[in-house]
Amino acid sequence: MPRSAKSFGSIGIPTPPAPRGRRIGVMGGSFNPPHQGHRLAAEVALQRLGLDEVWWIVTPGNPLKSRGELKPLGDRLTAVRALALHPRMRVTAFEVVLGSPFTAVTLQFLSRRYSGVRFVWIMGADNLVTFNRWQDWQGIAATVPMAIVDRPGYRFKALASPAAQAIARYRVSEADARHLAGMNAPAWVFLTNELAPHSSTALRQHTDKKED
């Protein structure tokens, strides 16, 4: 765990309430900006995995990406809240207080703080392509089950990626997706669905052209 991360037991880290027995999907990212593809992934996870809630965790910044085009956290939080208007979706940025941008630390923290909650990590197929470059990606896969949501043009790249091949034996049939939250990690499912052709990079480029 990075030395900057605060104690897992710290009561000063503001996370959403989560009663024991809940099944919660966790979807983290810089959301720079958030788009309908993110919203679709959250909706698909809610429905297909039988979750009680989905938490959108807006990160201070992605360690694998340049911060040159990163909008202020407050602006991104406002945009995510506007997009994630749903009675079973929560928006949080507690990683700022946690003191670490790494997903492995975040999931370890949540698992220890909420020992009676079943968490599932949700990410797009585009992220699975480079998942093996994430800090302690094996630890992420071993901490909570994972749901990979299909993204345009990434299905075959994702399933052929180094990380997918390394954890292939833990893949769960899509027909059993509703049972994923109750499974012990490592376990993961690839969810096919109607695809939304949006990306944060394309939206930023479009905005830059309009401003020019």
N, C-alpha and C. Protein backbone atom coordinates (compact mmCIF):
# COMPACT_ATOMS: atom_id res chain seq x y z
N MET A 1 0.84 -1.20 0.00
CA MET A 1 0.00 0.00 0.00
C MET A 1 0.88 1.25 0.00
N PRO A 2 0.62 2.25 -0.86
CA PRO A 2 1.42 3.47 -0.87
C PRO A 2 1.43 4.13 0.50
N ARG A 3 2.54 4.72 0.89
CA ARG A 3 2.67 5.31 2.22
C ARG A 3 1.72 6.48 2.42
N SER A 4 1.25 7.11 1.33
CA SER A 4 0.38 8.27 1.47
C SER A 4 -1.05 7.90 1.83
N ALA A 5 -1.42 6.64 1.68
CA ALA A 5 -2.78 6.22 1.98
C ALA A 5 -3.02 6.23 3.47
N LYS A 6 -4.18 6.75 3.89
CA LYS A 6 -4.51 6.81 5.30
C LYS A 6 -4.91 5.43 5.83
N SER A 7 -4.99 5.33 7.14
CA SER A 7 -5.36 4.07 7.77
C SER A 7 -6.73 3.62 7.29
N PHE A 8 -6.85 2.31 7.03
CA PHE A 8 -8.13 1.77 6.60
C PHE A 8 -9.23 2.02 7.63
N GLY A 9 -8.87 2.18 8.89
CA GLY A 9 -9.88 2.34 9.92
C GLY A 9 -10.28 3.78 10.18
N SER A 10 -9.70 4.72 9.46
CA SER A 10 -9.96 6.13 9.72
C SER A 10 -11.43 6.48 9.53
N ILE A 11 -12.04 7.09 10.57
CA ILE A 11 -13.45 7.48 10.48
C ILE A 11 -13.59 8.80 9.73
N GLY A 12 -12.46 9.44 9.40
CA GLY A 12 -12.52 10.71 8.70
C GLY A 12 -12.66 10.59 7.20
N ILE A 13 -12.74 9.38 6.68
CA ILE A 13 -12.88 9.18 5.24
C ILE A 13 -14.36 9.07 4.91
N PRO A 14 -14.93 10.05 4.19
CA PRO A 14 -16.39 10.13 3.97
C PRO A 14 -16.90 9.23 2.86
N THR A 15 -17.32 8.04 3.19
CA THR A 15 -17.87 7.11 2.21
C THR A 15 -19.38 7.01 2.38
N PRO A 16 -20.10 6.61 1.34
CA PRO A 16 -21.56 6.47 1.46
C PRO A 16 -21.94 5.39 2.48
N PRO A 17 -23.13 5.47 3.06
CA PRO A 17 -23.59 4.42 3.98
C PRO A 17 -23.84 3.12 3.23
N ALA A 18 -23.57 2.01 3.89
CA ALA A 18 -23.75 0.70 3.25
C ALA A 18 -24.08 -0.35 4.31
N PRO A 19 -25.38 -0.64 4.51
CA PRO A 19 -25.78 -1.64 5.50
C PRO A 19 -25.26 -3.03 5.12
N ARG A 20 -25.07 -3.87 6.11
CA ARG A 20 -24.62 -5.23 5.88
C ARG A 20 -25.58 -5.95 4.93
N GLY A 21 -25.01 -6.79 4.09
CA GLY A 21 -25.82 -7.57 3.17
C GLY A 21 -26.05 -6.92 1.82
N ARG A 22 -25.65 -5.66 1.67
CA ARG A 22 -25.86 -4.98 0.39
C ARG A 22 -24.90 -5.52 -0.67
N ARG A 23 -25.34 -5.43 -1.92
CA ARG A 23 -24.53 -5.82 -3.07
C ARG A 23 -24.27 -4.54 -3.87
N ILE A 24 -23.03 -4.08 -3.86
CA ILE A 24 -22.71 -2.76 -4.39
C ILE A 24 -21.66 -2.84 -5.49
N GLY A 25 -21.95 -2.24 -6.62
CA GLY A 25 -20.99 -2.13 -7.70
C GLY A 25 -20.17 -0.86 -7.52
N VAL A 26 -18.88 -0.95 -7.76
CA VAL A 26 -17.98 0.19 -7.62
C VAL A 26 -17.38 0.49 -8.99
N MET A 27 -17.58 1.72 -9.45
CA MET A 27 -17.10 2.11 -10.76
C MET A 27 -16.27 3.38 -10.60
N GLY A 28 -14.96 3.24 -10.73
CA GLY A 28 -14.08 4.38 -10.51
C GLY A 28 -13.50 4.92 -11.81
N GLY A 29 -13.09 6.17 -11.77
CA GLY A 29 -12.49 6.77 -12.96
C GLY A 29 -12.34 8.26 -12.80
N SER A 30 -11.60 8.86 -13.73
CA SER A 30 -11.45 10.32 -13.70
C SER A 30 -12.70 11.00 -14.25
N PHE A 31 -13.46 10.30 -15.12
CA PHE A 31 -14.69 10.84 -15.70
C PHE A 31 -14.43 12.26 -16.23
N ASN A 32 -13.57 12.32 -17.24
CA ASN A 32 -13.06 13.60 -17.72
C ASN A 32 -13.32 13.79 -19.23
N PRO A 33 -14.60 13.98 -19.63
CA PRO A 33 -15.80 14.09 -18.79
C PRO A 33 -16.56 12.77 -18.74
N PRO A 34 -17.59 12.69 -17.87
CA PRO A 34 -18.46 11.51 -17.88
C PRO A 34 -19.35 11.55 -19.11
N HIS A 35 -19.79 10.37 -19.58
CA HIS A 35 -20.62 10.32 -20.78
C HIS A 35 -21.62 9.16 -20.68
N GLN A 36 -22.46 9.05 -21.70
CA GLN A 36 -23.52 8.05 -21.68
C GLN A 36 -22.98 6.62 -21.65
N GLY A 37 -21.76 6.41 -22.14
CA GLY A 37 -21.17 5.08 -22.05
C GLY A 37 -20.96 4.67 -20.59
N HIS A 38 -20.54 5.64 -19.74
CA HIS A 38 -20.40 5.37 -18.31
C HIS A 38 -21.76 5.06 -17.69
N ARG A 39 -22.75 5.87 -18.06
CA ARG A 39 -24.09 5.67 -17.51
C ARG A 39 -24.65 4.30 -17.92
N LEU A 40 -24.44 3.93 -19.17
CA LEU A 40 -24.91 2.63 -19.65
C LEU A 40 -24.24 1.50 -18.88
N ALA A 41 -22.94 1.61 -18.63
CA ALA A 41 -22.23 0.57 -17.89
C ALA A 41 -22.80 0.42 -16.48
N ALA A 42 -23.11 1.55 -15.84
CA ALA A 42 -23.69 1.50 -14.50
C ALA A 42 -25.07 0.85 -14.52
N GLU A 43 -25.88 1.19 -15.51
CA GLU A 43 -27.22 0.62 -15.62
C GLU A 43 -27.16 -0.88 -15.90
N VAL A 44 -26.27 -1.26 -16.81
CA VAL A 44 -26.12 -2.68 -17.15
C VAL A 44 -25.71 -3.47 -15.92
N ALA A 45 -24.77 -2.93 -15.15
CA ALA A 45 -24.31 -3.62 -13.94
C ALA A 45 -25.43 -3.75 -12.92
N LEU A 46 -26.19 -2.69 -12.71
CA LEU A 46 -27.31 -2.74 -11.78
C LEU A 46 -28.28 -3.87 -12.14
N GLN A 47 -28.63 -3.92 -13.41
CA GLN A 47 -29.66 -4.86 -13.86
C GLN A 47 -29.12 -6.28 -13.96
N ARG A 48 -27.98 -6.45 -14.61
CA ARG A 48 -27.50 -7.79 -14.93
C ARG A 48 -26.87 -8.49 -13.72
N LEU A 49 -26.32 -7.71 -12.79
CA LEU A 49 -25.67 -8.30 -11.63
C LEU A 49 -26.58 -8.36 -10.41
N GLY A 50 -27.77 -7.79 -10.52
CA GLY A 50 -28.69 -7.78 -9.39
C GLY A 50 -28.17 -6.98 -8.21
N LEU A 51 -27.56 -5.84 -8.50
CA LEU A 51 -26.96 -5.01 -7.45
C LEU A 51 -28.00 -4.14 -6.76
N ASP A 52 -27.69 -3.77 -5.53
CA ASP A 52 -28.54 -2.82 -4.81
C ASP A 52 -28.18 -1.39 -5.18
N GLU A 53 -26.89 -1.13 -5.42
CA GLU A 53 -26.42 0.20 -5.75
C GLU A 53 -25.18 0.12 -6.64
N VAL A 54 -24.89 1.25 -7.28
CA VAL A 54 -23.60 1.44 -7.95
C VAL A 54 -23.00 2.74 -7.42
N TRP A 55 -21.75 2.66 -6.97
CA TRP A 55 -21.04 3.85 -6.53
C TRP A 55 -20.10 4.32 -7.62
N TRP A 56 -20.23 5.58 -8.02
CA TRP A 56 -19.30 6.21 -8.94
C TRP A 56 -18.21 6.88 -8.09
N ILE A 57 -16.99 6.41 -8.20
CA ILE A 57 -15.89 7.00 -7.44
C ILE A 57 -15.07 7.88 -8.39
N VAL A 58 -15.19 9.18 -8.21
CA VAL A 58 -14.48 10.14 -9.05
C VAL A 58 -13.09 10.33 -8.47
N THR A 59 -12.08 9.93 -9.22
CA THR A 59 -10.71 9.92 -8.71
C THR A 59 -10.02 11.27 -8.88
N PRO A 60 -9.03 11.56 -8.03
CA PRO A 60 -8.25 12.80 -8.19
C PRO A 60 -7.53 12.83 -9.54
N GLY A 61 -7.14 11.66 -10.04
CA GLY A 61 -6.46 11.57 -11.33
C GLY A 61 -6.04 10.15 -11.59
N ASN A 62 -5.93 9.80 -12.86
CA ASN A 62 -5.51 8.46 -13.26
C ASN A 62 -3.99 8.41 -13.31
N PRO A 63 -3.35 7.52 -12.50
CA PRO A 63 -1.88 7.45 -12.50
C PRO A 63 -1.27 7.10 -13.85
N LEU A 64 -2.06 6.51 -14.76
CA LEU A 64 -1.54 6.12 -16.07
C LEU A 64 -1.78 7.18 -17.14
N LYS A 65 -2.41 8.28 -16.77
CA LYS A 65 -2.72 9.30 -17.77
C LYS A 65 -2.16 10.65 -17.35
N SER A 66 -1.89 11.50 -18.34
CA SER A 66 -1.40 12.84 -18.09
C SER A 66 -2.51 13.68 -17.46
N ARG A 67 -2.12 14.57 -16.55
CA ARG A 67 -3.11 15.44 -15.91
C ARG A 67 -3.26 16.77 -16.65
N GLY A 68 -2.59 16.89 -17.80
CA GLY A 68 -2.63 18.14 -18.53
C GLY A 68 -4.03 18.56 -18.95
N GLU A 69 -4.88 17.59 -19.29
CA GLU A 69 -6.24 17.90 -19.74
C GLU A 69 -7.28 17.61 -18.67
N LEU A 70 -6.83 17.34 -17.45
CA LEU A 70 -7.75 16.96 -16.38
C LEU A 70 -8.46 18.18 -15.80
N LYS A 71 -9.79 18.16 -15.85
CA LYS A 71 -10.57 19.26 -15.28
C LYS A 71 -10.55 19.17 -13.76
N PRO A 72 -10.81 20.28 -13.06
CA PRO A 72 -10.82 20.25 -11.59
C PRO A 72 -11.80 19.20 -11.06
N LEU A 73 -11.47 18.62 -9.92
CA LEU A 73 -12.29 17.57 -9.34
C LEU A 73 -13.73 18.03 -9.11
N GLY A 74 -13.89 19.27 -8.63
CA GLY A 74 -15.24 19.78 -8.37
C GLY A 74 -16.10 19.82 -9.62
N ASP A 75 -15.49 20.20 -10.75
CA ASP A 75 -16.23 20.25 -12.01
C ASP A 75 -16.64 18.85 -12.44
N ARG A 76 -15.74 17.89 -12.28
CA ARG A 76 -16.04 16.51 -12.68
C ARG A 76 -17.10 15.90 -11.78
N LEU A 77 -17.05 16.22 -10.49
CA LEU A 77 -18.07 15.73 -9.57
C LEU A 77 -19.45 16.25 -9.96
N THR A 78 -19.52 17.53 -10.29
CA THR A 78 -20.80 18.13 -10.69
C THR A 78 -21.35 17.45 -11.94
N ALA A 79 -20.47 17.19 -12.91
CA ALA A 79 -20.90 16.55 -14.16
C ALA A 79 -21.36 15.11 -13.91
N VAL A 80 -20.65 14.39 -13.05
CA VAL A 80 -21.04 13.00 -12.76
C VAL A 80 -22.38 12.97 -12.03
N ARG A 81 -22.58 13.86 -11.07
CA ARG A 81 -23.86 13.90 -10.34
C ARG A 81 -25.02 14.17 -11.27
N ALA A 82 -24.80 15.03 -12.27
CA ALA A 82 -25.87 15.33 -13.22
C ALA A 82 -26.19 14.11 -14.09
N LEU A 83 -25.17 13.31 -14.41
CA LEU A 83 -25.36 12.13 -15.27
C LEU A 83 -25.89 10.94 -14.48
N ALA A 84 -25.51 10.83 -13.22
CA ALA A 84 -25.84 9.65 -12.42
C ALA A 84 -27.08 9.85 -11.56
N LEU A 85 -28.02 10.64 -12.05
CA LEU A 85 -29.27 10.85 -11.31
C LEU A 85 -30.09 9.56 -11.34
N HIS A 86 -30.07 8.85 -10.25
CA HIS A 86 -30.75 7.56 -10.16
C HIS A 86 -30.86 7.21 -8.67
N PRO A 87 -31.99 6.69 -8.23
CA PRO A 87 -32.14 6.40 -6.80
C PRO A 87 -31.18 5.35 -6.26
N ARG A 88 -30.55 4.59 -7.15
CA ARG A 88 -29.64 3.53 -6.69
C ARG A 88 -28.20 3.76 -7.13
N MET A 89 -27.88 5.03 -7.44
CA MET A 89 -26.52 5.40 -7.77
C MET A 89 -26.03 6.46 -6.80
N ARG A 90 -24.77 6.30 -6.35
CA ARG A 90 -24.15 7.24 -5.43
C ARG A 90 -22.86 7.76 -6.07
N VAL A 91 -22.55 9.03 -5.80
CA VAL A 91 -21.34 9.66 -6.34
C VAL A 91 -20.46 10.10 -5.17
N THR A 92 -19.20 9.73 -5.22
CA THR A 92 -18.28 10.06 -4.12
C THR A 92 -16.88 10.33 -4.67
N ALA A 93 -16.09 11.05 -3.89
CA ALA A 93 -14.69 11.32 -4.26
C ALA A 93 -13.80 11.11 -3.04
N PHE A 94 -14.09 10.06 -2.26
CA PHE A 94 -13.40 9.86 -0.99
C PHE A 94 -11.92 9.53 -1.16
N GLU A 95 -11.48 9.17 -2.38
CA GLU A 95 -10.06 8.86 -2.57
C GLU A 95 -9.17 10.06 -2.28
N VAL A 96 -9.72 11.27 -2.39
CA VAL A 96 -8.95 12.47 -2.08
C VAL A 96 -8.51 12.43 -0.62
N VAL A 97 -9.40 11.99 0.26
CA VAL A 97 -9.09 11.90 1.69
C VAL A 97 -8.34 10.62 2.01
N LEU A 98 -8.64 9.56 1.28
CA LEU A 98 -7.93 8.29 1.48
C LEU A 98 -6.44 8.46 1.24
N GLY A 99 -6.10 9.32 0.28
CA GLY A 99 -4.70 9.62 0.04
C GLY A 99 -4.01 8.73 -0.96
N SER A 100 -4.79 7.99 -1.76
CA SER A 100 -4.20 7.13 -2.79
C SER A 100 -5.10 7.11 -4.00
N PRO A 101 -4.52 7.17 -5.22
CA PRO A 101 -5.32 7.10 -6.44
C PRO A 101 -5.45 5.67 -6.97
N PHE A 102 -4.88 4.70 -6.24
CA PHE A 102 -4.81 3.34 -6.76
C PHE A 102 -6.06 2.52 -6.41
N THR A 103 -6.63 1.88 -7.42
CA THR A 103 -7.83 1.07 -7.24
C THR A 103 -7.61 -0.05 -6.24
N ALA A 104 -6.42 -0.65 -6.24
CA ALA A 104 -6.14 -1.74 -5.30
C ALA A 104 -6.31 -1.28 -3.86
N VAL A 105 -5.82 -0.09 -3.54
CA VAL A 105 -5.95 0.45 -2.19
C VAL A 105 -7.41 0.75 -1.87
N THR A 106 -8.11 1.35 -2.83
CA THR A 106 -9.51 1.70 -2.64
C THR A 106 -10.35 0.47 -2.32
N LEU A 107 -10.17 -0.59 -3.06
CA LEU A 107 -10.98 -1.80 -2.85
C LEU A 107 -10.61 -2.51 -1.56
N GLN A 108 -9.33 -2.50 -1.19
CA GLN A 108 -8.94 -3.07 0.10
C GLN A 108 -9.59 -2.29 1.24
N PHE A 109 -9.58 -0.96 1.10
CA PHE A 109 -10.20 -0.11 2.12
C PHE A 109 -11.69 -0.40 2.26
N LEU A 110 -12.41 -0.44 1.14
CA LEU A 110 -13.85 -0.68 1.19
C LEU A 110 -14.16 -2.06 1.77
N SER A 111 -13.40 -3.06 1.37
CA SER A 111 -13.64 -4.42 1.85
C SER A 111 -13.45 -4.54 3.35
N ARG A 112 -12.50 -3.79 3.89
CA ARG A 112 -12.25 -3.84 5.33
C ARG A 112 -13.23 -2.98 6.10
N ARG A 113 -13.59 -1.82 5.55
CA ARG A 113 -14.54 -0.95 6.26
C ARG A 113 -15.92 -1.59 6.30
N TYR A 114 -16.34 -2.24 5.21
CA TYR A 114 -17.69 -2.81 5.12
C TYR A 114 -17.57 -4.34 5.00
N SER A 115 -17.26 -4.97 6.11
CA SER A 115 -17.02 -6.42 6.07
C SER A 115 -18.26 -7.22 5.70
N GLY A 116 -19.45 -6.66 5.88
CA GLY A 116 -20.67 -7.39 5.57
C GLY A 116 -21.29 -7.03 4.23
N VAL A 117 -20.55 -6.26 3.41
CA VAL A 117 -21.04 -5.82 2.10
C VAL A 117 -20.33 -6.59 0.99
N ARG A 118 -21.06 -6.93 -0.05
CA ARG A 118 -20.47 -7.63 -1.20
C ARG A 118 -20.23 -6.60 -2.31
N PHE A 119 -18.96 -6.30 -2.57
CA PHE A 119 -18.60 -5.33 -3.61
C PHE A 119 -18.23 -6.04 -4.91
N VAL A 120 -18.52 -5.36 -6.01
CA VAL A 120 -18.11 -5.80 -7.34
C VAL A 120 -17.44 -4.62 -8.04
N TRP A 121 -16.25 -4.84 -8.59
CA TRP A 121 -15.57 -3.80 -9.36
C TRP A 121 -16.10 -3.82 -10.79
N ILE A 122 -16.52 -2.66 -11.30
CA ILE A 122 -17.07 -2.53 -12.65
C ILE A 122 -16.10 -1.71 -13.49
N MET A 123 -15.78 -2.21 -14.67
CA MET A 123 -14.97 -1.40 -15.58
C MET A 123 -15.28 -1.77 -17.02
N GLY A 124 -14.98 -0.86 -17.93
CA GLY A 124 -15.23 -1.08 -19.34
C GLY A 124 -14.20 -2.02 -19.94
N ALA A 125 -14.56 -2.63 -21.06
CA ALA A 125 -13.65 -3.55 -21.74
C ALA A 125 -12.37 -2.85 -22.19
N ASP A 126 -12.44 -1.55 -22.46
CA ASP A 126 -11.23 -0.82 -22.85
C ASP A 126 -10.20 -0.82 -21.73
N ASN A 127 -10.66 -0.80 -20.48
CA ASN A 127 -9.73 -0.83 -19.35
C ASN A 127 -9.10 -2.21 -19.16
N LEU A 128 -9.83 -3.26 -19.52
CA LEU A 128 -9.26 -4.60 -19.38
C LEU A 128 -8.05 -4.78 -20.31
N VAL A 129 -8.04 -4.07 -21.43
CA VAL A 129 -6.93 -4.18 -22.38
C VAL A 129 -5.60 -3.84 -21.71
N THR A 130 -5.60 -2.82 -20.85
CA THR A 130 -4.36 -2.38 -20.20
C THR A 130 -4.36 -2.69 -18.69
N PHE A 131 -5.25 -3.55 -18.25
CA PHE A 131 -5.39 -3.84 -16.84
C PHE A 131 -4.10 -4.35 -16.21
N ASN A 132 -3.30 -5.07 -16.99
CA ASN A 132 -2.05 -5.62 -16.47
C ASN A 132 -1.02 -4.54 -16.13
N ARG A 133 -1.28 -3.29 -16.52
CA ARG A 133 -0.38 -2.18 -16.20
C ARG A 133 -0.80 -1.45 -14.93
N TRP A 134 -1.97 -1.81 -14.37
CA TRP A 134 -2.45 -1.15 -13.17
C TRP A 134 -1.63 -1.58 -11.95
N GLN A 135 -1.52 -0.67 -10.99
CA GLN A 135 -0.85 -0.98 -9.74
C GLN A 135 -1.54 -2.17 -9.05
N ASP A 136 -0.80 -3.26 -8.81
CA ASP A 136 -1.29 -4.45 -8.12
C ASP A 136 -2.60 -4.96 -8.73
N TRP A 137 -2.62 -5.13 -10.04
CA TRP A 137 -3.86 -5.58 -10.68
C TRP A 137 -4.26 -6.97 -10.22
N GLN A 138 -3.27 -7.81 -9.92
CA GLN A 138 -3.61 -9.13 -9.40
C GLN A 138 -4.32 -9.02 -8.05
N GLY A 139 -3.90 -8.04 -7.25
CA GLY A 139 -4.54 -7.82 -5.96
C GLY A 139 -5.98 -7.36 -6.12
N ILE A 140 -6.24 -6.54 -7.13
CA ILE A 140 -7.61 -6.11 -7.41
C ILE A 140 -8.48 -7.32 -7.71
N ALA A 141 -7.99 -8.17 -8.61
CA ALA A 141 -8.76 -9.35 -9.01
C ALA A 141 -8.99 -10.31 -7.85
N ALA A 142 -8.07 -10.30 -6.89
CA ALA A 142 -8.19 -11.21 -5.75
C ALA A 142 -8.99 -10.62 -4.60
N THR A 143 -9.33 -9.33 -4.67
CA THR A 143 -10.05 -8.67 -3.57
C THR A 143 -11.55 -8.73 -3.73
N VAL A 144 -12.06 -8.41 -4.93
CA VAL A 144 -13.51 -8.44 -5.18
C VAL A 144 -13.78 -9.02 -6.57
N PRO A 145 -14.97 -9.58 -6.80
CA PRO A 145 -15.32 -10.01 -8.15
C PRO A 145 -15.35 -8.80 -9.09
N MET A 146 -15.19 -9.04 -10.38
CA MET A 146 -15.13 -7.97 -11.36
C MET A 146 -16.13 -8.19 -12.47
N ALA A 147 -16.77 -7.11 -12.91
CA ALA A 147 -17.66 -7.15 -14.07
C ALA A 147 -17.08 -6.27 -15.15
N ILE A 148 -16.82 -6.86 -16.31
CA ILE A 148 -16.27 -6.11 -17.44
C ILE A 148 -17.40 -5.85 -18.42
N VAL A 149 -17.68 -4.58 -18.67
CA VAL A 149 -18.79 -4.20 -19.55
C VAL A 149 -18.26 -3.90 -20.95
N ASP A 150 -18.86 -4.50 -21.94
CA ASP A 150 -18.43 -4.35 -23.33
C ASP A 150 -18.39 -2.89 -23.75
N ARG A 151 -17.41 -2.55 -24.60
CA ARG A 151 -17.28 -1.22 -25.17
C ARG A 151 -17.03 -1.35 -26.66
N PRO A 152 -17.50 -0.39 -27.47
CA PRO A 152 -17.34 -0.50 -28.92
C PRO A 152 -15.89 -0.70 -29.35
N GLY A 153 -15.64 -1.75 -30.11
CA GLY A 153 -14.33 -2.00 -30.67
C GLY A 153 -13.33 -2.64 -29.73
N TYR A 154 -13.75 -3.03 -28.52
CA TYR A 154 -12.80 -3.55 -27.55
C TYR A 154 -13.04 -4.99 -27.11
N ARG A 155 -14.13 -5.60 -27.55
CA ARG A 155 -14.47 -6.93 -27.03
C ARG A 155 -13.34 -7.94 -27.23
N PHE A 156 -12.87 -8.07 -28.46
CA PHE A 156 -11.86 -9.09 -28.74
C PHE A 156 -10.49 -8.70 -28.17
N LYS A 157 -10.16 -7.40 -28.22
CA LYS A 157 -8.91 -6.94 -27.63
C LYS A 157 -8.90 -7.22 -26.13
N ALA A 158 -10.02 -6.98 -25.48
CA ALA A 158 -10.10 -7.17 -24.03
C ALA A 158 -9.94 -8.63 -23.66
N LEU A 159 -10.66 -9.50 -24.36
CA LEU A 159 -10.63 -10.92 -24.02
C LEU A 159 -9.30 -11.58 -24.39
N ALA A 160 -8.55 -10.93 -25.28
CA ALA A 160 -7.23 -11.45 -25.65
C ALA A 160 -6.11 -10.77 -24.89
N SER A 161 -6.43 -9.87 -23.98
CA SER A 161 -5.43 -9.09 -23.26
C SER A 161 -4.65 -9.96 -22.27
N PRO A 162 -3.45 -9.51 -21.88
CA PRO A 162 -2.64 -10.29 -20.94
C PRO A 162 -3.36 -10.60 -19.63
N ALA A 163 -4.08 -9.61 -19.08
CA ALA A 163 -4.78 -9.83 -17.81
C ALA A 163 -5.90 -10.85 -17.97
N ALA A 164 -6.69 -10.71 -19.05
CA ALA A 164 -7.80 -11.64 -19.28
C ALA A 164 -7.30 -13.07 -19.44
N GLN A 165 -6.18 -13.22 -20.13
CA GLN A 165 -5.62 -14.55 -20.30
C GLN A 165 -5.12 -15.12 -18.98
N ALA A 166 -4.54 -14.25 -18.15
CA ALA A 166 -3.98 -14.71 -16.88
C ALA A 166 -5.06 -15.17 -15.90
N ILE A 167 -6.25 -14.57 -15.98
CA ILE A 167 -7.32 -14.94 -15.04
C ILE A 167 -8.48 -15.64 -15.76
N ALA A 168 -8.19 -16.19 -16.92
CA ALA A 168 -9.25 -16.82 -17.74
C ALA A 168 -9.99 -17.92 -16.98
N ARG A 169 -9.29 -18.67 -16.14
CA ARG A 169 -9.94 -19.80 -15.46
C ARG A 169 -10.95 -19.35 -14.41
N TYR A 170 -10.94 -18.07 -14.07
CA TYR A 170 -11.89 -17.55 -13.08
C TYR A 170 -13.10 -16.87 -13.72
N ARG A 171 -13.16 -16.92 -15.04
CA ARG A 171 -14.28 -16.26 -15.74
C ARG A 171 -15.59 -17.00 -15.48
N VAL A 172 -16.63 -16.24 -15.21
CA VAL A 172 -17.96 -16.77 -14.92
C VAL A 172 -18.84 -16.61 -16.15
N SER A 173 -19.68 -17.58 -16.40
CA SER A 173 -20.60 -17.48 -17.53
C SER A 173 -21.52 -16.27 -17.38
N GLU A 174 -21.80 -15.62 -18.50
CA GLU A 174 -22.69 -14.46 -18.47
C GLU A 174 -24.06 -14.84 -17.94
N ALA A 175 -24.46 -16.07 -18.13
CA ALA A 175 -25.75 -16.55 -17.64
C ALA A 175 -25.81 -16.56 -16.11
N ASP A 176 -24.64 -16.57 -15.48
CA ASP A 176 -24.57 -16.60 -14.01
C ASP A 176 -24.19 -15.25 -13.42
N ALA A 177 -24.34 -14.18 -14.21
CA ALA A 177 -23.91 -12.86 -13.77
C ALA A 177 -24.59 -12.41 -12.48
N ARG A 178 -25.85 -12.76 -12.27
CA ARG A 178 -26.57 -12.32 -11.07
C ARG A 178 -25.99 -12.93 -9.80
N HIS A 179 -25.19 -13.96 -9.93
CA HIS A 179 -24.59 -14.59 -8.75
C HIS A 179 -23.19 -14.06 -8.45
N LEU A 180 -22.66 -13.18 -9.32
CA LEU A 180 -21.26 -12.76 -9.20
C LEU A 180 -20.97 -12.10 -7.86
N ALA A 181 -21.85 -11.22 -7.40
CA ALA A 181 -21.59 -10.48 -6.16
C ALA A 181 -21.45 -11.40 -4.96
N GLY A 182 -22.06 -12.55 -5.01
CA GLY A 182 -21.98 -13.48 -3.91
C GLY A 182 -20.81 -14.44 -3.99
N MET A 183 -20.03 -14.34 -5.04
CA MET A 183 -18.89 -15.24 -5.23
C MET A 183 -17.64 -14.68 -4.56
N ASN A 184 -16.74 -15.58 -4.22
CA ASN A 184 -15.45 -15.17 -3.68
C ASN A 184 -14.50 -14.84 -4.84
N ALA A 185 -13.73 -13.79 -4.66
CA ALA A 185 -12.72 -13.43 -5.66
C ALA A 185 -11.56 -14.43 -5.59
N PRO A 186 -10.90 -14.65 -6.74
CA PRO A 186 -11.14 -14.03 -8.06
C PRO A 186 -12.32 -14.67 -8.79
N ALA A 187 -13.11 -13.80 -9.40
CA ALA A 187 -14.21 -14.21 -10.26
C ALA A 187 -14.56 -13.01 -11.11
N TRP A 188 -14.82 -13.24 -12.40
CA TRP A 188 -15.16 -12.12 -13.27
C TRP A 188 -16.08 -12.55 -14.39
N VAL A 189 -16.83 -11.59 -14.88
CA VAL A 189 -17.77 -11.86 -15.96
C VAL A 189 -17.63 -10.77 -17.01
N PHE A 190 -17.81 -11.16 -18.27
CA PHE A 190 -17.80 -10.18 -19.37
C PHE A 190 -19.25 -9.99 -19.80
N LEU A 191 -19.75 -8.76 -19.68
CA LEU A 191 -21.15 -8.46 -19.98
C LEU A 191 -21.28 -7.84 -21.36
N THR A 192 -21.94 -8.53 -22.27
CA THR A 192 -22.24 -7.96 -23.58
C THR A 192 -23.55 -7.18 -23.46
N ASN A 193 -23.69 -6.15 -24.25
CA ASN A 193 -24.85 -5.26 -24.11
C ASN A 193 -24.93 -4.34 -25.31
N GLU A 194 -26.00 -3.55 -25.34
CA GLU A 194 -26.12 -2.50 -26.35
C GLU A 194 -24.98 -1.50 -26.11
N LEU A 195 -24.27 -1.12 -27.16
CA LEU A 195 -23.07 -0.30 -27.00
C LEU A 195 -23.35 1.18 -27.25
N ALA A 196 -22.78 2.01 -26.39
CA ALA A 196 -22.87 3.46 -26.56
C ALA A 196 -21.54 3.97 -27.10
N PRO A 197 -21.53 4.61 -28.28
CA PRO A 197 -20.27 4.99 -28.94
C PRO A 197 -19.67 6.28 -28.41
N HIS A 198 -19.55 6.39 -27.08
CA HIS A 198 -18.99 7.60 -26.49
C HIS A 198 -17.65 7.29 -25.83
N SER A 199 -16.79 8.30 -25.77
CA SER A 199 -15.54 8.18 -25.02
C SER A 199 -15.18 9.56 -24.49
N SER A 200 -14.52 9.59 -23.33
CA SER A 200 -14.13 10.87 -22.74
C SER A 200 -13.13 11.60 -23.63
N THR A 201 -12.21 10.85 -24.26
CA THR A 201 -11.21 11.47 -25.13
C THR A 201 -11.86 12.17 -26.31
N ALA A 202 -12.81 11.49 -26.95
CA ALA A 202 -13.50 12.08 -28.11
C ALA A 202 -14.29 13.32 -27.70
N LEU A 203 -14.92 13.28 -26.54
CA LEU A 203 -15.69 14.43 -26.08
C LEU A 203 -14.79 15.62 -25.78
N ARG A 204 -13.62 15.36 -25.19
CA ARG A 204 -12.68 16.46 -24.94
C ARG A 204 -12.20 17.07 -26.24
N GLN A 205 -11.87 16.23 -27.23
CA GLN A 205 -11.39 16.73 -28.51
C GLN A 205 -12.46 17.55 -29.20
N HIS A 206 -13.72 17.10 -29.10
CA HIS A 206 -14.83 17.83 -29.72
C HIS A 206 -15.00 19.19 -29.05
N THR A 207 -14.88 19.23 -27.71
CA THR A 207 -15.00 20.49 -26.99
C THR A 207 -13.88 21.45 -27.35
N ASP A 208 -12.66 20.91 -27.48
CA ASP A 208 -11.52 21.76 -27.84
C ASP A 208 -11.72 22.39 -29.21
N LYS A 209 -12.25 21.65 -30.17
CA LYS A 209 -12.48 22.17 -31.51
C LYS A 209 -13.52 23.28 -31.49
N LYS A 210 -14.57 23.10 -30.67
CA LYS A 210 -15.62 24.12 -30.58
C LYS A 210 -15.06 25.41 -29.99
N GLU A 211 -14.15 25.27 -28.98
CA GLU A 211 -13.58 26.44 -28.35
C GLU A 211 -12.62 27.17 -29.27
N ASP A 212 -11.98 26.42 -30.21
CA ASP A 212 -11.08 27.05 -31.18
C ASP A 212 -11.87 27.97 -32.12
